């Protein structure tokens, strides 16, 4: 079965949101309920890097399991005109 990866970018007056969705098996339940660190998500350094980049810009990373697959969203606040 072929899977799809969907990347969307949304700009609102308050934030820029980058969302990546896939049709895979989703995140293991433990990842969604813990604070991300090298110890809690071994081998998933991309998640840690995305979280750290978002945090460096005053934003955050949220992970969700969907009905099919999973999504990761980076939100970075900004003001229009700056």
N, C-alpha and C. Protein backbone atom coordinates (compact mmCIF):
# COMPACT_ATOMS: atom_id res chain seq x y z
N UNK A 1 0.84 -1.18 0.00
CA UNK A 1 0.00 0.00 0.00
C UNK A 1 0.88 1.24 0.00
N UNK A 2 0.57 2.18 -0.87
CA UNK A 2 1.32 3.41 -0.92
C UNK A 2 0.78 4.39 0.12
N UNK A 3 1.67 5.03 0.82
CA UNK A 3 1.27 6.04 1.78
C UNK A 3 1.49 7.42 1.19
N UNK A 4 0.89 8.38 1.82
CA UNK A 4 1.06 9.76 1.39
C UNK A 4 1.54 10.59 2.56
N UNK A 5 2.31 11.59 2.23
CA UNK A 5 2.73 12.58 3.22
C UNK A 5 2.20 13.92 2.73
N UNK A 6 1.48 14.60 3.60
CA UNK A 6 0.91 15.90 3.25
C UNK A 6 1.57 16.96 4.11
N UNK A 7 2.07 18.01 3.47
CA UNK A 7 2.68 19.13 4.17
C UNK A 7 1.84 20.37 3.88
N UNK A 8 1.40 21.05 4.94
CA UNK A 8 0.64 22.28 4.77
C UNK A 8 1.28 23.39 5.58
N UNK A 9 1.17 24.60 5.06
CA UNK A 9 1.64 25.79 5.76
C UNK A 9 0.49 26.76 5.82
N UNK A 10 0.23 27.28 7.02
CA UNK A 10 -0.86 28.23 7.21
C UNK A 10 -0.32 29.44 7.95
N UNK A 11 -0.62 30.60 7.45
CA UNK A 11 -0.22 31.84 8.12
C UNK A 11 -1.49 32.55 8.59
N UNK A 12 -1.55 32.82 9.88
CA UNK A 12 -2.64 33.60 10.44
C UNK A 12 -2.05 34.93 10.92
N UNK A 13 -2.86 35.74 11.53
CA UNK A 13 -2.34 37.01 12.06
C UNK A 13 -1.42 36.80 13.26
N UNK A 14 -1.53 35.64 13.91
CA UNK A 14 -0.75 35.39 15.12
C UNK A 14 0.38 34.37 14.97
N UNK A 15 0.28 33.46 14.00
CA UNK A 15 1.27 32.39 13.94
C UNK A 15 1.43 31.82 12.54
N UNK A 16 2.57 31.20 12.34
CA UNK A 16 2.83 30.41 11.16
C UNK A 16 2.77 28.96 11.60
N UNK A 17 2.00 28.14 10.90
CA UNK A 17 1.85 26.72 11.26
C UNK A 17 2.29 25.85 10.10
N UNK A 18 3.19 24.93 10.39
CA UNK A 18 3.65 23.94 9.44
C UNK A 18 3.19 22.59 9.95
N UNK A 19 2.39 21.89 9.17
CA UNK A 19 1.86 20.59 9.60
C UNK A 19 2.27 19.52 8.60
N UNK A 20 2.74 18.40 9.12
CA UNK A 20 3.09 17.25 8.31
C UNK A 20 2.20 16.10 8.76
N UNK A 21 1.46 15.51 7.80
CA UNK A 21 0.58 14.37 8.10
C UNK A 21 1.01 13.18 7.25
N UNK A 22 0.90 12.00 7.83
CA UNK A 22 1.18 10.79 7.05
C UNK A 22 0.05 9.78 7.25
N UNK A 23 0.16 8.66 6.56
CA UNK A 23 -0.84 7.61 6.64
C UNK A 23 -0.26 6.34 7.26
N UNK A 24 0.80 6.52 8.04
CA UNK A 24 1.46 5.37 8.66
C UNK A 24 0.73 4.88 9.89
N UNK A 25 1.42 4.11 10.72
CA UNK A 25 0.79 3.52 11.91
C UNK A 25 0.59 4.49 13.06
N UNK A 26 1.08 5.71 12.95
CA UNK A 26 0.93 6.70 14.02
C UNK A 26 2.09 6.62 15.00
N UNK A 27 2.05 7.52 15.97
CA UNK A 27 3.08 7.54 17.01
C UNK A 27 2.76 6.51 18.06
N UNK A 28 3.78 5.87 18.64
CA UNK A 28 3.51 5.01 19.78
C UNK A 28 2.86 5.83 20.89
N UNK A 29 1.88 5.28 21.60
CA UNK A 29 1.16 6.05 22.62
C UNK A 29 2.06 6.73 23.65
N UNK A 30 3.15 6.13 24.03
CA UNK A 30 4.03 6.72 25.02
C UNK A 30 4.63 8.04 24.60
N UNK A 31 4.87 8.23 23.32
CA UNK A 31 5.49 9.47 22.85
C UNK A 31 4.55 10.65 23.03
N UNK A 32 3.25 10.40 22.89
CA UNK A 32 2.30 11.50 22.97
C UNK A 32 2.08 12.00 24.38
N UNK A 33 2.46 11.22 25.37
CA UNK A 33 2.16 11.60 26.76
C UNK A 33 3.39 11.96 27.59
N UNK A 34 4.56 12.03 26.97
CA UNK A 34 5.77 12.35 27.74
C UNK A 34 6.42 13.61 27.19
N UNK A 35 7.25 14.20 28.01
CA UNK A 35 8.06 15.33 27.55
C UNK A 35 9.16 14.75 26.67
N UNK A 36 9.31 15.31 25.47
CA UNK A 36 10.30 14.79 24.54
C UNK A 36 11.72 15.03 25.04
N UNK A 37 12.52 13.97 25.04
CA UNK A 37 13.93 14.06 25.38
C UNK A 37 14.65 12.90 24.70
N UNK A 38 15.97 12.91 24.74
CA UNK A 38 16.74 11.80 24.14
C UNK A 38 16.39 10.47 24.80
N UNK A 39 16.04 10.52 26.07
CA UNK A 39 15.73 9.29 26.79
C UNK A 39 14.32 8.78 26.49
N UNK A 40 13.36 9.69 26.31
CA UNK A 40 11.97 9.25 26.11
C UNK A 40 11.63 8.93 24.66
N UNK A 41 12.40 9.46 23.71
CA UNK A 41 12.15 9.17 22.29
C UNK A 41 13.46 8.81 21.60
N UNK A 42 14.11 7.72 22.04
CA UNK A 42 15.39 7.37 21.42
C UNK A 42 15.22 7.11 19.93
N UNK A 43 16.18 7.62 19.14
CA UNK A 43 16.15 7.40 17.71
C UNK A 43 15.24 8.35 16.95
N UNK A 44 14.54 9.22 17.63
CA UNK A 44 13.64 10.16 16.96
C UNK A 44 14.17 11.59 17.12
N UNK A 45 15.40 11.77 16.71
CA UNK A 45 16.06 13.06 16.90
C UNK A 45 15.45 14.16 16.04
N UNK A 46 14.79 13.80 14.95
CA UNK A 46 14.11 14.80 14.12
C UNK A 46 13.03 15.51 14.90
N UNK A 47 12.30 14.77 15.74
CA UNK A 47 11.26 15.38 16.58
C UNK A 47 11.89 16.35 17.58
N UNK A 48 13.00 15.93 18.16
CA UNK A 48 13.67 16.80 19.14
C UNK A 48 14.21 18.06 18.46
N UNK A 49 14.77 17.90 17.27
CA UNK A 49 15.30 19.05 16.54
C UNK A 49 14.17 20.01 16.15
N UNK A 50 13.06 19.47 15.65
CA UNK A 50 11.92 20.33 15.28
C UNK A 50 11.40 21.07 16.50
N UNK A 51 11.29 20.38 17.63
CA UNK A 51 10.82 21.02 18.86
C UNK A 51 11.75 22.14 19.29
N UNK A 52 13.05 21.89 19.23
CA UNK A 52 14.03 22.88 19.67
C UNK A 52 14.06 24.10 18.76
N UNK A 53 13.93 23.88 17.45
CA UNK A 53 13.91 25.01 16.51
C UNK A 53 12.66 25.86 16.75
N UNK A 54 11.51 25.21 16.91
CA UNK A 54 10.28 25.95 17.19
C UNK A 54 10.40 26.73 18.49
N UNK A 55 10.93 26.09 19.53
CA UNK A 55 11.07 26.75 20.84
C UNK A 55 12.02 27.94 20.76
N UNK A 56 13.06 27.83 19.94
CA UNK A 56 14.01 28.93 19.81
C UNK A 56 13.35 30.18 19.20
N UNK A 57 12.22 29.97 18.54
CA UNK A 57 11.49 31.08 17.93
C UNK A 57 10.19 31.39 18.68
N UNK A 58 10.09 30.89 19.92
CA UNK A 58 8.92 31.18 20.74
C UNK A 58 7.71 30.30 20.45
N UNK A 59 7.91 29.24 19.69
CA UNK A 59 6.80 28.36 19.31
C UNK A 59 6.86 27.00 19.97
N UNK A 60 6.18 26.05 19.35
CA UNK A 60 6.14 24.71 19.92
C UNK A 60 5.84 23.67 18.87
N UNK A 61 5.94 22.42 19.28
CA UNK A 61 5.67 21.26 18.44
C UNK A 61 4.56 20.46 19.10
N UNK A 62 3.56 20.07 18.32
CA UNK A 62 2.52 19.19 18.86
C UNK A 62 2.40 17.97 17.96
N UNK A 63 2.21 16.83 18.60
CA UNK A 63 2.08 15.55 17.91
C UNK A 63 0.70 14.98 18.18
N UNK A 64 0.10 14.40 17.12
CA UNK A 64 -1.23 13.78 17.28
C UNK A 64 -1.32 12.54 16.42
N UNK A 65 -2.02 11.55 16.94
CA UNK A 65 -2.42 10.43 16.11
C UNK A 65 -3.78 10.78 15.52
N UNK A 66 -3.93 10.54 14.23
CA UNK A 66 -5.17 10.82 13.53
C UNK A 66 -5.94 9.51 13.34
N UNK A 67 -7.13 9.58 12.76
CA UNK A 67 -7.89 8.36 12.47
C UNK A 67 -7.04 7.42 11.61
N UNK A 68 -6.32 7.99 10.66
CA UNK A 68 -5.36 7.25 9.85
C UNK A 68 -4.05 8.03 9.90
N UNK A 69 -3.00 7.44 10.42
CA UNK A 69 -1.70 8.08 10.45
C UNK A 69 -1.52 9.02 11.62
N UNK A 70 -0.61 9.97 11.43
CA UNK A 70 -0.25 10.90 12.50
C UNK A 70 0.04 12.26 11.90
N UNK A 71 0.11 13.27 12.78
CA UNK A 71 0.49 14.61 12.34
C UNK A 71 1.43 15.24 13.36
N UNK A 72 2.31 16.06 12.83
CA UNK A 72 3.21 16.86 13.66
C UNK A 72 3.05 18.30 13.19
N UNK A 73 2.85 19.20 14.15
CA UNK A 73 2.64 20.60 13.80
C UNK A 73 3.61 21.48 14.56
N UNK A 74 4.28 22.36 13.81
CA UNK A 74 5.13 23.38 14.41
C UNK A 74 4.37 24.69 14.29
N UNK A 75 4.24 25.40 15.39
CA UNK A 75 3.60 26.71 15.39
C UNK A 75 4.61 27.73 15.92
N UNK A 76 4.79 28.78 15.14
CA UNK A 76 5.72 29.85 15.52
C UNK A 76 4.95 31.16 15.49
N UNK A 77 4.89 31.85 16.64
CA UNK A 77 4.13 33.11 16.68
C UNK A 77 4.85 34.22 15.91
N UNK A 78 4.05 35.11 15.35
CA UNK A 78 4.61 36.31 14.72
C UNK A 78 3.49 37.34 14.59
N UNK A 79 3.88 38.54 14.32
CA UNK A 79 2.91 39.62 14.11
C UNK A 79 2.96 40.07 12.67
N UNK A 80 1.81 40.31 12.10
CA UNK A 80 1.75 40.77 10.73
C UNK A 80 2.44 42.14 10.65
N UNK A 81 3.26 42.30 9.63
CA UNK A 81 3.94 43.57 9.44
C UNK A 81 5.28 43.66 10.12
N UNK A 82 5.74 42.56 10.74
CA UNK A 82 7.06 42.60 11.38
C UNK A 82 8.03 41.73 10.64
